[in-house]
């Protein structure tokens, strides 16, 4: 994605050198930055959801087959992220 931002910045500079306005390019650069932030937030949310699913899956396993160490590890990951 940084290639796109670099291209937008170069284009903005070219437009500025030519005396043209660059408000549309500025808006595109801001939008790209906002979208990158949203993607990162989605990734964090997906990781968190994956951890919750791991805990639930371990708790639903019958008691004889349950690996208490894995449950403790999954719960520790959840606690670390909050």
Protein backbone atom coordinates (compact mmCIF):
# COMPACT_ATOMS: atom_id res chain seq x y z
CA UNK A 1 0.00 0.00 0.00
CA UNK A 2 2.94 2.32 0.58
CA UNK A 3 3.64 2.22 -3.18
CA UNK A 4 0.25 3.79 -3.76
CA UNK A 5 0.87 6.51 -1.19
CA UNK A 6 4.31 7.22 -2.67
CA UNK A 7 2.75 7.50 -6.12
CA UNK A 8 0.09 9.89 -4.81
CA UNK A 9 2.76 12.01 -3.12
CA UNK A 10 4.86 12.16 -6.29
CA UNK A 11 1.80 13.11 -8.31
CA UNK A 12 0.87 15.76 -5.76
CA UNK A 13 4.36 17.23 -5.99
CA UNK A 14 4.18 17.23 -9.79
CA UNK A 15 0.86 19.05 -9.63
CA UNK A 16 2.23 21.56 -7.13
CA UNK A 17 5.25 22.16 -9.36
CA UNK A 18 2.91 22.74 -12.29
CA UNK A 19 0.86 25.23 -10.27
CA UNK A 20 -2.25 23.02 -10.13
CA UNK A 21 -4.33 22.36 -7.02
CA UNK A 22 -3.93 19.02 -5.34
CA UNK A 23 -6.85 18.86 -2.97
CA UNK A 24 -8.21 15.70 -4.63
CA UNK A 25 -4.86 13.94 -4.25
CA UNK A 26 -4.64 15.07 -0.63
CA UNK A 27 -8.11 13.64 -0.03
CA UNK A 28 -7.08 10.35 -1.66
CA UNK A 29 -3.95 10.16 0.51
CA UNK A 30 -6.03 10.80 3.65
CA UNK A 31 -8.54 8.16 2.57
CA UNK A 32 -5.81 5.59 1.95
CA UNK A 33 -4.33 6.29 5.38
CA UNK A 34 -7.75 5.90 7.00
CA UNK A 35 -8.38 2.64 5.13
CA UNK A 36 -5.01 1.25 6.24
CA UNK A 37 -5.91 2.04 9.85
CA UNK A 38 -9.27 0.29 9.44
CA UNK A 39 -7.56 -2.79 7.98
CA UNK A 40 -5.21 -2.94 10.98
CA UNK A 41 -8.18 -2.68 13.35
CA UNK A 42 -9.91 -5.53 11.51
CA UNK A 43 -6.78 -7.65 11.83
CA UNK A 44 -6.63 -7.01 15.58
CA UNK A 45 -10.33 -7.86 15.90
CA UNK A 46 -9.89 -11.09 13.94
CA UNK A 47 -6.95 -12.14 16.14
CA UNK A 48 -9.03 -11.44 19.24
CA UNK A 49 -11.96 -13.42 17.84
CA UNK A 50 -9.62 -16.31 17.05
CA UNK A 51 -8.43 -16.32 20.68
CA UNK A 52 -12.01 -16.33 21.95
CA UNK A 53 -12.86 -19.23 19.65
CA UNK A 54 -9.83 -21.16 20.97
CA UNK A 55 -11.02 -20.70 24.56
CA UNK A 56 -14.58 -21.71 23.75
CA UNK A 57 -13.40 -24.77 21.80
CA UNK A 58 -11.22 -25.90 24.71
CA UNK A 59 -14.04 -25.41 27.21
CA UNK A 60 -16.47 -27.42 25.11
CA UNK A 61 -14.18 -30.44 24.93
CA UNK A 62 -15.22 -33.13 27.43
CA UNK A 63 -13.39 -32.86 30.75
CA UNK A 64 -11.37 -36.05 30.26
CA UNK A 65 -9.97 -34.87 26.94
CA UNK A 66 -9.40 -31.27 28.00
CA UNK A 67 -5.86 -29.92 28.07
CA UNK A 68 -5.88 -27.54 31.05
CA UNK A 69 -2.54 -26.06 30.01
CA UNK A 70 -4.02 -25.05 26.62
CA UNK A 71 -7.07 -23.54 28.34
CA UNK A 72 -4.81 -21.55 30.68
CA UNK A 73 -2.68 -20.39 27.73
CA UNK A 74 -5.74 -19.31 25.73
CA UNK A 75 -7.17 -17.45 28.73
CA UNK A 76 -3.81 -15.75 29.31
CA UNK A 77 -3.78 -14.54 25.67
CA UNK A 78 -7.25 -13.10 26.13
CA UNK A 79 -6.23 -11.36 29.36
CA UNK A 80 -3.12 -9.89 27.72
CA UNK A 81 -5.13 -8.26 24.94
CA UNK A 82 -7.63 -6.49 27.16
